[in-house]
PDB file of N, CA and C in Angstrom:
ATOM      1  N   MET A   1       0.829  -1.189   0.000  1.00  0.00           N
ATOM      2  CA  MET A   1       0.000   0.000   0.000  1.00  0.00           C
ATOM      3  C   MET A   1       0.873   1.252   0.000  1.00  0.00           C
ATOM      4  N   LEU A   2       1.816   1.353   0.917  1.00  0.00           N
ATOM      5  CA  LEU A   2       2.641   2.551   1.013  1.00  0.00           C
ATOM      6  C   LEU A   2       3.842   2.403   0.095  1.00  0.00           C
ATOM      7  N   VAL A   3       3.618   2.665  -1.175  1.00  0.00           N
ATOM      8  CA  VAL A   3       4.670   2.549  -2.167  1.00  0.00           C
ATOM      9  C   VAL A   3       4.820   3.905  -2.834  1.00  0.00           C
ATOM     10  N   GLY A   4       5.911   4.546  -2.569  1.00  0.00           N
ATOM     11  CA  GLY A   4       6.205   5.837  -3.167  1.00  0.00           C
ATOM     12  C   GLY A   4       7.684   6.093  -3.028  1.00  0.00           C
ATOM     13  N   SER A   5       8.239   6.845  -3.962  1.00  0.00           N
ATOM     14  CA  SER A   5       9.678   7.102  -3.919  1.00  0.00           C
ATOM     15  C   SER A   5       9.992   8.520  -3.462  1.00  0.00           C
ATOM     16  N   ASP A   6       8.953   9.325  -3.181  1.00  0.00           N
ATOM     17  CA  ASP A   6       9.206  10.686  -2.723  1.00  0.00           C
ATOM     18  C   ASP A   6       9.704  10.662  -1.276  1.00  0.00           C
ATOM     19  N   GLU A   7      10.275  11.764  -0.856  1.00  0.00           N
ATOM     20  CA  GLU A   7      10.887  11.860   0.472  1.00  0.00           C
ATOM     21  C   GLU A   7       9.896  11.566   1.598  1.00  0.00           C
ATOM     22  N   ALA A   8       8.671  12.074   1.477  1.00  0.00           N
ATOM     23  CA  ALA A   8       7.671  11.877   2.537  1.00  0.00           C
ATOM     24  C   ALA A   8       7.264  10.413   2.650  1.00  0.00           C
ATOM     25  N   SER A   9       7.044   9.750   1.528  1.00  0.00           N
ATOM     26  CA  SER A   9       6.638   8.340   1.553  1.00  0.00           C
ATOM     27  C   SER A   9       7.722   7.461   2.161  1.00  0.00           C
ATOM     28  N   VAL A  10       8.956   7.723   1.780  1.00  0.00           N
ATOM     29  CA  VAL A  10      10.081   6.956   2.323  1.00  0.00           C
ATOM     30  C   VAL A  10      10.196   7.187   3.830  1.00  0.00           C
ATOM     31  N   ALA A  11      10.104   8.444   4.265  1.00  0.00           N
ATOM     32  CA  ALA A  11      10.205   8.763   5.694  1.00  0.00           C
ATOM     33  C   ALA A  11       9.040   8.171   6.481  1.00  0.00           C
ATOM     34  N   ALA A  12       7.840   8.175   5.897  1.00  0.00           N
ATOM     35  CA  ALA A  12       6.669   7.598   6.572  1.00  0.00           C
ATOM     36  C   ALA A  12       6.851   6.097   6.772  1.00  0.00           C
ATOM     37  N   LEU A  13       7.372   5.423   5.770  1.00  0.00           N
ATOM     38  CA  LEU A  13       7.601   3.984   5.874  1.00  0.00           C
ATOM     39  C   LEU A  13       8.666   3.678   6.930  1.00  0.00           C
ATOM     40  N   VAL A  14       9.715   4.480   6.964  1.00  0.00           N
ATOM     41  CA  VAL A  14      10.749   4.316   7.992  1.00  0.00           C
ATOM     42  C   VAL A  14      10.136   4.517   9.377  1.00  0.00           C
ATOM     43  N   ALA A  15       9.298   5.548   9.521  1.00  0.00           N
ATOM     44  CA  ALA A  15       8.646   5.812  10.811  1.00  0.00           C
ATOM     45  C   ALA A  15       7.806   4.620  11.250  1.00  0.00           C
ATOM     46  N   LEU A  16       7.087   4.040  10.321  1.00  0.00           N
ATOM     47  CA  LEU A  16       6.248   2.880  10.623  1.00  0.00           C
ATOM     48  C   LEU A  16       7.100   1.687  11.048  1.00  0.00           C
ATOM     49  N   ARG A  17       8.176   1.452  10.332  1.00  0.00           N
ATOM     50  CA  ARG A  17       9.064   0.328  10.648  1.00  0.00           C
ATOM     51  C   ARG A  17       9.800   0.517  11.973  1.00  0.00           C
ATOM     52  N   CYS A  18       9.925   1.774  12.408  1.00  0.00           N
ATOM     53  CA  CYS A  18      10.628   2.078  13.664  1.00  0.00           C
ATOM     54  C   CYS A  18       9.667   2.262  14.831  1.00  0.00           C
ATOM     55  N   GLY A  19       8.457   1.732  14.705  1.00  0.00           N
ATOM     56  CA  GLY A  19       7.529   1.751  15.832  1.00  0.00           C
ATOM     57  C   GLY A  19       6.538   2.889  15.866  1.00  0.00           C
ATOM     58  N   GLY A  20       6.441   3.643  14.785  1.00  0.00           N
ATOM     59  CA  GLY A  20       5.457   4.718  14.731  1.00  0.00           C
ATOM     60  C   GLY A  20       4.037   4.170  14.732  1.00  0.00           C
ATOM     61  N   SER A  21       3.095   5.018  15.077  1.00  0.00           N
ATOM     62  CA  SER A  21       1.685   4.612  15.088  1.00  0.00           C
ATOM     63  C   SER A  21       1.041   4.968  13.753  1.00  0.00           C
ATOM     64  N   TYR A  22      -0.050   4.277  13.444  1.00  0.00           N
ATOM     65  CA  TYR A  22      -0.741   4.574  12.190  1.00  0.00           C
ATOM     66  C   TYR A  22      -2.232   4.339  12.348  1.00  0.00           C
ATOM     67  N   VAL A  23      -2.975   4.979  11.476  1.00  0.00           N
ATOM     68  CA  VAL A  23      -4.421   4.793  11.394  1.00  0.00           C
ATOM     69  C   VAL A  23      -4.829   5.061   9.949  1.00  0.00           C
ATOM     70  N   VAL A  24      -5.817   4.308   9.480  1.00  0.00           N
ATOM     71  CA  VAL A  24      -6.483   4.591   8.208  1.00  0.00           C
ATOM     72  C   VAL A  24      -7.953   4.715   8.547  1.00  0.00           C
ATOM     73  N   TRP A  25      -8.507   5.880   8.274  1.00  0.00           N
ATOM     74  CA  TRP A  25      -9.881   6.143   8.651  1.00  0.00           C
ATOM     75  C   TRP A  25     -10.873   5.565   7.648  1.00  0.00           C
ATOM     76  N   ASP A  26     -12.041   5.194   8.148  1.00  0.00           N
ATOM     77  CA  ASP A  26     -13.140   4.758   7.289  1.00  0.00           C
ATOM     78  C   ASP A  26     -13.679   5.961   6.534  1.00  0.00           C
ATOM     79  N   GLY A  27     -14.321   5.685   5.425  1.00  0.00           N
ATOM     80  CA  GLY A  27     -14.953   6.752   4.658  1.00  0.00           C
ATOM     81  C   GLY A  27     -13.974   7.457   3.738  1.00  0.00           C
ATOM     82  N   THR A  28     -14.516   8.306   2.894  1.00  0.00           N
ATOM     83  CA  THR A  28     -13.709   9.031   1.918  1.00  0.00           C
ATOM     84  C   THR A  28     -14.100  10.507   1.903  1.00  0.00           C
ATOM     85  N   THR A  29     -13.261  11.280   1.266  1.00  0.00           N
ATOM     86  CA  THR A  29     -13.459  12.717   1.098  1.00  0.00           C
ATOM     87  C   THR A  29     -13.118  13.052  -0.343  1.00  0.00           C
ATOM     88  N   SER A  30     -13.709  14.100  -0.866  1.00  0.00           N
ATOM     89  CA  SER A  30     -13.399  14.472  -2.250  1.00  0.00           C
ATOM     90  C   SER A  30     -11.964  14.992  -2.336  1.00  0.00           C
ATOM     91  N   ALA A  31     -11.292  14.610  -3.409  1.00  0.00           N
ATOM     92  CA  ALA A  31      -9.919  15.066  -3.633  1.00  0.00           C
ATOM     93  C   ALA A  31      -9.880  16.582  -3.778  1.00  0.00           C
ATOM     94  N   GLU A  32     -10.908  17.145  -4.392  1.00  0.00           N
ATOM     95  CA  GLU A  32     -10.965  18.593  -4.598  1.00  0.00           C
ATOM     96  C   GLU A  32     -10.962  19.347  -3.260  1.00  0.00           C
ATOM     97  N   SER A  33     -11.782  18.896  -2.316  1.00  0.00           N
ATOM     98  CA  SER A  33     -11.823  19.585  -1.021  1.00  0.00           C
ATOM     99  C   SER A  33     -10.503  19.410  -0.265  1.00  0.00           C
ATOM    100  N   LEU A  34      -9.894  18.243  -0.374  1.00  0.00           N
ATOM    101  CA  LEU A  34      -8.594  18.033   0.278  1.00  0.00           C
ATOM    102  C   LEU A  34      -7.513  18.912  -0.345  1.00  0.00           C
ATOM    103  N   ALA A  35      -7.555  19.079  -1.670  1.00  0.00           N
ATOM    104  CA  ALA A  35      -6.587  19.957  -2.337  1.00  0.00           C
ATOM    105  C   ALA A  35      -6.723  21.387  -1.823  1.00  0.00           C
ATOM    106  N   LEU A  36      -7.946  21.839  -1.603  1.00  0.00           N
ATOM    107  CA  LEU A  36      -8.172  23.189  -1.071  1.00  0.00           C
ATOM    108  C   LEU A  36      -7.649  23.309   0.362  1.00  0.00           C
ATOM    109  N   VAL A  37      -8.003  22.345   1.205  1.00  0.00           N
ATOM    110  CA  VAL A  37      -7.574  22.365   2.609  1.00  0.00           C
ATOM    111  C   VAL A  37      -6.050  22.328   2.713  1.00  0.00           C
ATOM    112  N   TYR A  38      -5.424  21.410   1.993  1.00  0.00           N
ATOM    113  CA  TYR A  38      -3.976  21.275   2.097  1.00  0.00           C
ATOM    114  C   TYR A  38      -3.243  22.386   1.352  1.00  0.00           C
ATOM    115  N   GLY A  39      -3.890  23.019   0.383  1.00  0.00           N
ATOM    116  CA  GLY A  39      -3.332  24.221  -0.235  1.00  0.00           C
ATOM    117  C   GLY A  39      -3.233  25.350   0.781  1.00  0.00           C
ATOM    118  N   ARG A  40      -4.270  25.498   1.607  1.00  0.00           N
ATOM    119  CA  ARG A  40      -4.232  26.499   2.685  1.00  0.00           C
ATOM    120  C   ARG A  40      -3.146  26.150   3.702  1.00  0.00           C
ATOM    121  N   ARG A  41      -3.036  24.875   4.026  1.00  0.00           N
ATOM    122  CA  ARG A  41      -1.995  24.458   4.980  1.00  0.00           C
ATOM    123  C   ARG A  41      -0.602  24.731   4.432  1.00  0.00           C
ATOM    124  N   LEU A  42      -0.430  24.540   3.141  1.00  0.00           N
ATOM    125  CA  LEU A  42       0.858  24.821   2.509  1.00  0.00           C
ATOM    126  C   LEU A  42       1.220  26.294   2.691  1.00  0.00           C
ATOM    127  N   ARG A  43       0.283  27.172   2.409  1.00  0.00           N
ATOM    128  CA  ARG A  43       0.544  28.605   2.566  1.00  0.00           C
ATOM    129  C   ARG A  43       0.824  28.959   4.034  1.00  0.00           C
ATOM    130  N   LEU A  44       0.052  28.380   4.937  1.00  0.00           N
ATOM    131  CA  LEU A  44       0.214  28.660   6.367  1.00  0.00           C
ATOM    132  C   LEU A  44       1.566  28.167   6.891  1.00  0.00           C
ATOM    133  N   THR A  45       1.941  26.949   6.531  1.00  0.00           N
ATOM    134  CA  THR A  45       3.218  26.411   7.017  1.00  0.00           C
ATOM    135  C   THR A  45       4.394  27.200   6.453  1.00  0.00           C
ATOM    136  N   ARG A  46       4.285  27.631   5.210  1.00  0.00           N
ATOM    137  CA  ARG A  46       5.361  28.460   4.641  1.00  0.00           C
ATOM    138  C   ARG A  46       5.464  29.785   5.383  1.00  0.00           C
ATOM    139  N   ARG A  47       4.319  30.395   5.634  1.00  0.00           N
ATOM    140  CA  ARG A  47       4.291  31.694   6.312  1.00  0.00           C
ATOM    141  C   ARG A  47       4.880  31.587   7.725  1.00  0.00           C
ATOM    142  N   ARG A  48       4.606  30.478   8.397  1.00  0.00           N
ATOM    143  CA  ARG A  48       5.068  30.301   9.780  1.00  0.00           C
ATOM    144  C   ARG A  48       6.428  29.623   9.884  1.00  0.00           C
ATOM    145  N   GLY A  49       6.987  29.217   8.754  1.00  0.00           N
ATOM    146  CA  GLY A  49       8.298  28.579   8.769  1.00  0.00           C
ATOM    147  C   GLY A  49       8.294  27.166   9.322  1.00  0.00           C
ATOM    148  N   ILE A  50       7.166  26.474   9.203  1.00  0.00           N
ATOM    149  CA  ILE A  50       7.051  25.096   9.690  1.00  0.00           C
ATOM    150  C   ILE A  50       7.580  24.152   8.616  1.00  0.00           C
ATOM    151  N   GLU A  51       8.425  23.231   9.022  1.00  0.00           N
ATOM    152  CA  GLU A  51       9.036  22.298   8.077  1.00  0.00           C
ATOM    153  C   GLU A  51       8.027  21.248   7.616  1.00  0.00           C
ATOM    154  N   THR A  52       7.936  21.082   6.296  1.00  0.00           N
ATOM    155  CA  THR A  52       7.088  20.047   5.702  1.00  0.00           C
ATOM    156  C   THR A  52       7.902  19.294   4.665  1.00  0.00           C
ATOM    157  N   THR A  53       7.368  18.181   4.236  1.00  0.00           N
ATOM    158  CA  THR A  53       7.963  17.441   3.143  1.00  0.00           C
ATOM    159  C   THR A  53       6.862  16.992   2.188  1.00  0.00           C
ATOM    160  N   ASN A  54       7.058  17.286   0.917  1.00  0.00           N
ATOM    161  CA  ASN A  54       6.179  16.858  -0.171  1.00  0.00           C
ATOM    162  C   ASN A  54       4.765  17.457  -0.106  1.00  0.00           C
ATOM    163  N   LEU A  55       4.568  18.524   0.646  1.00  0.00           N
ATOM    164  CA  LEU A  55       3.233  19.110   0.749  1.00  0.00           C
ATOM    165  C   LEU A  55       2.803  19.745  -0.567  1.00  0.00           C
ATOM    166  N   ASP A  56       3.705  20.470  -1.224  1.00  0.00           N
ATOM    167  CA  ASP A  56       3.339  21.103  -2.491  1.00  0.00           C
ATOM    168  C   ASP A  56       2.963  20.070  -3.549  1.00  0.00           C
ATOM    169  N   ARG A  57       3.719  19.001  -3.628  1.00  0.00           N
ATOM    170  CA  ARG A  57       3.422  17.934  -4.604  1.00  0.00           C
ATOM    171  C   ARG A  57       2.112  17.224  -4.254  1.00  0.00           C
ATOM    172  N   SER A  58       1.841  17.025  -2.980  1.00  0.00           N
ATOM    173  CA  SER A  58       0.589  16.384  -2.559  1.00  0.00           C
ATOM    174  C   SER A  58      -0.614  17.220  -2.967  1.00  0.00           C
ATOM    175  N   VAL A  59      -0.523  18.535  -2.780  1.00  0.00           N
ATOM    176  CA  VAL A  59      -1.613  19.429  -3.188  1.00  0.00           C
ATOM    177  C   VAL A  59      -1.843  19.313  -4.697  1.00  0.00           C
ATOM    178  N   GLU A  60      -0.757  19.293  -5.448  1.00  0.00           N
ATOM    179  CA  GLU A  60      -0.854  19.159  -6.907  1.00  0.00           C
ATOM    180  C   GLU A  60      -1.517  17.834  -7.300  1.00  0.00           C
ATOM    181  N   LEU A  61      -1.086  16.741  -6.701  1.00  0.00           N
ATOM    182  CA  LEU A  61      -1.644  15.424  -7.032  1.00  0.00           C
ATOM    183  C   LEU A  61      -3.111  15.317  -6.634  1.00  0.00           C
ATOM    184  N   LEU A  62      -3.473  15.863  -5.483  1.00  0.00           N
ATOM    185  CA  LEU A  62      -4.878  15.847  -5.060  1.00  0.00           C
ATOM    186  C   LEU A  62      -5.735  16.671  -6.010  1.00  0.00           C
ATOM    187  N   GLY A  63      -5.199  17.787  -6.486  1.00  0.00           N
ATOM    188  CA  GLY A  63      -5.932  18.629  -7.423  1.00  0.00           C
ATOM    189  C   GLY A  63      -6.223  17.939  -8.739  1.00  0.00           C
ATOM    190  N   ARG A  64      -5.381  16.985  -9.115  1.00  0.00           N
ATOM    191  CA  ARG A  64      -5.586  16.253 -10.376  1.00  0.00           C
ATOM    192  C   ARG A  64      -6.398  14.977 -10.201  1.00  0.00           C
ATOM    193  N   HIS A  65      -6.463  14.486  -8.978  1.00  0.00           N
ATOM    194  CA  HIS A  65      -7.159  13.219  -8.714  1.00  0.00           C
ATOM    195  C   HIS A  65      -8.666  13.466  -8.737  1.00  0.00           C
ATOM    196  N   GLN A  66      -9.399  12.680  -9.456  1.00  0.00           N
ATOM    197  CA  GLN A  66     -10.828  12.949  -9.624  1.00  0.00           C
ATOM    198  C   GLN A  66     -11.718  11.906  -8.965  1.00  0.00           C
ATOM    199  N   GLN A  67     -11.168  11.186  -8.028  1.00  0.00           N
ATOM    200  CA  GLN A  67     -11.924  10.155  -7.318  1.00  0.00           C
ATOM    201  C   GLN A  67     -11.880  10.448  -5.816  1.00  0.00           C
ATOM    202  N   PRO A  68     -12.787   9.848  -5.046  1.00  0.00           N
ATOM    203  CA  PRO A  68     -12.748  10.024  -3.591  1.00  0.00           C
ATOM    204  C   PRO A  68     -11.419   9.525  -3.005  1.00  0.00           C
ATOM    205  N   VAL A  69     -11.061  10.094  -1.877  1.00  0.00           N
ATOM    206  CA  VAL A  69      -9.780   9.802  -1.229  1.00  0.00           C
ATOM    207  C   VAL A  69     -10.032   9.335   0.201  1.00  0.00           C
ATOM    208  N   ARG A  70      -9.327   8.289   0.585  1.00  0.00           N
ATOM    209  CA  ARG A  70      -9.337   7.825   1.977  1.00  0.00           C
ATOM    210  C   ARG A  70      -8.079   8.367   2.646  1.00  0.00           C
ATOM    211  N   LEU A  71      -8.209   8.755   3.904  1.00  0.00           N
ATOM    212  CA  LEU A  71      -7.084   9.342   4.633  1.00  0.00           C
ATOM    213  C   LEU A  71      -6.468   8.360   5.620  1.00  0.00           C
ATOM    214  N   GLY A  72      -5.165   8.451   5.736  1.00  0.00           N
ATOM    215  CA  GLY A  72      -4.429   7.704   6.739  1.00  0.00           C
ATOM    216  C   GLY A  72      -3.386   8.612   7.361  1.00  0.00           C
ATOM    217  N   GLN A  73      -2.826   8.168   8.457  1.00  0.00           N
ATOM    218  CA  GLN A  73      -1.826   8.972   9.159  1.00  0.00           C
ATOM    219  C   GLN A  73      -0.799   8.060   9.816  1.00  0.00           C
ATOM    220  N   ILE A  74       0.450   8.478   9.760  1.00  0.00           N
ATOM    221  CA  ILE A  74       1.542   7.809  10.466  1.00  0.00           C
ATOM    222  C   ILE A  74       2.236   8.866  11.315  1.00  0.00           C
ATOM    223  N   ARG A  75       2.482   8.534  12.580  1.00  0.00           N
ATOM    224  CA  ARG A  75       3.243   9.415  13.472  1.00  0.00           C
ATOM    225  C   ARG A  75       4.519   8.700  13.871  1.00  0.00           C
ATOM    226  N   THR A  76       5.613   9.439  13.873  1.00  0.00           N
ATOM    227  CA  THR A  76       6.869   8.848  14.323  1.00  0.00           C
ATOM    228  C   THR A  76       6.749   8.482  15.799  1.00  0.00           C
ATOM    229  N   ALA A  77       7.541   7.511  16.220  1.00  0.00           N
ATOM    230  CA  ALA A  77       7.487   7.042  17.609  1.00  0.00           C
ATOM    231  C   ALA A  77       7.780   8.167  18.600  1.00  0.00           C
ATOM    232  N   ASP A  78       8.637   9.106  18.223  1.00  0.00           N
ATOM    233  CA  ASP A  78       8.960  10.217  19.127  1.00  0.00           C
ATOM    234  C   ASP A  78       8.028  11.415  18.959  1.00  0.00           C
ATOM    235  N   GLY A  79       7.079  11.317  18.036  1.00  0.00           N
ATOM    236  CA  GLY A  79       6.101  12.384  17.838  1.00  0.00           C
ATOM    237  C   GLY A  79       6.618  13.599  17.088  1.00  0.00           C
ATOM    238  N   SER A  80       7.817  13.518  16.531  1.00  0.00           N
ATOM    239  CA  SER A  80       8.402  14.688  15.876  1.00  0.00           C
ATOM    240  C   SER A  80       7.828  14.966  14.489  1.00  0.00           C
ATOM    241  N   TRP A  81       7.283  13.954  13.836  1.00  0.00           N
ATOM    242  CA  TRP A  81       6.698  14.121  12.502  1.00  0.00           C
ATOM    243  C   TRP A  81       5.348  13.419  12.434  1.00  0.00           C
ATOM    244  N   THR A  82       4.449  14.012  11.663  1.00  0.00           N
ATOM    245  CA  THR A  82       3.172  13.387  11.319  1.00  0.00           C
ATOM    246  C   THR A  82       3.080  13.356   9.803  1.00  0.00           C
ATOM    247  N   PHE A  83       2.751  12.194   9.263  1.00  0.00           N
ATOM    248  CA  PHE A  83       2.608  12.016   7.820  1.00  0.00           C
ATOM    249  C   PHE A  83       1.150  11.730   7.497  1.00  0.00           C
ATOM    250  N   MET A  84       0.627  12.437   6.518  1.00  0.00           N
ATOM    251  CA  MET A  84      -0.729  12.182   6.042  1.00  0.00           C
ATOM    252  C   MET A  84      -0.638  11.376   4.763  1.00  0.00           C
ATOM    253  N   LEU A  85      -1.433  10.313   4.718  1.00  0.00           N
ATOM    254  CA  LEU A  85      -1.497   9.445   3.550  1.00  0.00           C
ATOM    255  C   LEU A  85      -2.806   9.710   2.829  1.00  0.00           C
ATOM    256  N   PHE A  86      -2.735   9.917   1.543  1.00  0.00           N
ATOM    257  CA  PHE A  86      -3.913  10.098   0.708  1.00  0.00           C
ATOM    258  C   PHE A  86      -4.005   8.852  -0.171  1.00  0.00           C
ATOM    259  N   LEU A  87      -5.023   8.055   0.085  1.00  0.00           N
ATOM    260  CA  LEU A  87      -5.155   6.736  -0.529  1.00  0.00           C
ATOM    261  C   LEU A  87      -6.361   6.690  -1.461  1.00  0.00           C
ATOM    262  N   THR A  88      -6.351   5.727  -2.376  1.00  0.00           N
ATOM    263  CA  THR A  88      -7.544   5.503  -3.188  1.00  0.00           C
ATOM    264  C   THR A  88      -8.692   5.118  -2.265  1.00  0.00           C
ATOM    265  N   ASP A  89      -9.912   5.225  -2.763  1.00  0.00           N
ATOM    266  CA  ASP A  89     -11.090   5.012  -1.907  1.00  0.00           C
ATOM    267  C   ASP A  89     -11.124   3.642  -1.252  1.00  0.00           C
ATOM    268  N   ASP A  90     -10.542   2.637  -1.884  1.00  0.00           N
ATOM    269  CA  ASP A  90     -10.515   1.305  -1.276  1.00  0.00           C
ATOM    270  C   ASP A  90      -9.262   1.078  -0.416  1.00  0.00           C
ATOM    271  N   GLY A  91      -8.400   2.095  -0.337  1.00  0.00           N
ATOM    272  CA  GLY A  91      -7.200   2.010   0.491  1.00  0.00           C
ATOM    273  C   GLY A  91      -6.074   1.186  -0.097  1.00  0.00           C
ATOM    274  N   SER A  92      -6.197   0.799  -1.358  1.00  0.00           N
ATOM    275  CA  SER A  92      -5.212  -0.121  -1.936  1.00  0.00           C
ATOM    276  C   SER A  92      -4.001   0.567  -2.564  1.00  0.00           C
ATOM    277  N   ARG A  93      -4.090   1.868  -2.807  1.00  0.00           N
ATOM    278  CA  ARG A  93      -3.001   2.545  -3.510  1.00  0.00           C
ATOM    279  C   ARG A  93      -2.770   3.935  -2.923  1.00  0.00           C
ATOM    280  N   LEU A  94      -1.505   4.309  -2.823  1.00  0.00           N
ATOM    281  CA  LEU A  94      -1.114   5.622  -2.333  1.00  0.00           C
ATOM    282  C   LEU A  94      -1.189   6.639  -3.468  1.00  0.00           C
ATOM    283  N   ILE A  95      -1.931   7.716  -3.245  1.00  0.00           N
ATOM    284  CA  ILE A  95      -2.012   8.813  -4.210  1.00  0.00           C
ATOM    285  C   ILE A  95      -0.910   9.823  -3.920  1.00  0.00           C
ATOM    286  N   ALA A  96      -0.785  10.191  -2.648  1.00  0.00           N
ATOM    287  CA  ALA A  96       0.215  11.177  -2.229  1.00  0.00           C
ATOM    288  C   ALA A  96       0.483  11.005  -0.737  1.00  0.00           C
ATOM    289  N   CYS A  97       1.599  11.552  -0.304  1.00  0.00           N
ATOM    290  CA  CYS A  97       1.971  11.529   1.111  1.00  0.00           C
ATOM    291  C   CYS A  97       2.680  12.839   1.424  1.00  0.00           C
ATOM    292  N   THR A  98       2.357  13.410   2.561  1.00  0.00           N
ATOM    293  CA  THR A  98       3.032  14.616   3.015  1.00  0.00           C
ATOM    294  C   THR A  98       3.347  14.483   4.497  1.00  0.00           C
ATOM    295  N   GLY A  99       4.360  15.194   4.926  1.00  0.00           N
ATOM    296  CA  GLY A  99       4.733  15.169   6.334  1.00  0.00           C
ATOM    297  C   GLY A  99       4.917  16.569   6.873  1.00  0.00           C
ATOM    298  N   VAL A 100       4.673  16.724   8.160  1.00  0.00           N
ATOM    299  CA  VAL A 100       4.893  18.004   8.833  1.00  0.00           C
ATOM    300  C   VAL A 100       5.625  17.743  10.146  1.00  0.00           C
ATOM    301  N   ARG A 101       6.646  18.566  10.392  1.00  0.00           N
ATOM    302  CA  ARG A 101       7.377  18.458  11.660  1.00  0.00           C
ATOM    303  C   ARG A 101       6.510  19.074  12.745  1.00  0.00           C
ATOM    304  N   ARG A 102       6.349  18.343  13.833  1.00  0.00           N
ATOM    305  CA  ARG A 102       5.518  18.807  14.945  1.00  0.00           C
ATOM    306  C   ARG A 102       6.335  19.713  15.860  1.00  0.00           C
ATOM    307  N   ALA A 103       5.707  20.747  16.350  1.00  0.00           N
ATOM    308  CA  ALA A 103       6.367  21.670  17.276  1.00  0.00           C
ATOM    309  C   ALA A 103       6.630  20.956  18.599  1.00  0.00           C
ATOM    310  N   GLN A 104       7.733  21.276  19.224  1.00  0.00           N
ATOM    311  CA  GLN A 104       8.042  20.719  20.541  1.00  0.00           C
ATOM    312  C   GLN A 104       7.122  21.354  21.568  1.00  0.00           C
ATOM    313  N   VAL A 105       6.511  20.535  22.408  1.00  0.00           N
ATOM    314  CA  VAL A 105       5.572  21.041  23.414  1.00  0.00           C
ATOM    315  C   VAL A 105       6.215  21.039  24.774  1.00  0.00           C
TER     316      VAL A 105
END
């Protein structure tokens, strides 16, 4: 399922193999609405200087995808990164993956 050669996909898989947590939610969301939401997040993270990986490419891929999207998430074991997985509606294929560095609390 998690097959991608971009930096975020590789890092998400490493996080999972190193004991990170994951979830894939039931249900789907339109790719168009996700492209809008994550487009806003891209602008916000850039403005605030928050480190992301593959967010711009994920927004682009979601904007072109014309089918419903299922969401998943992987968190690193230390909580330093959260990766969002954008999957086909049946969860069988990765459309895009993005990661965001979490602020230290």
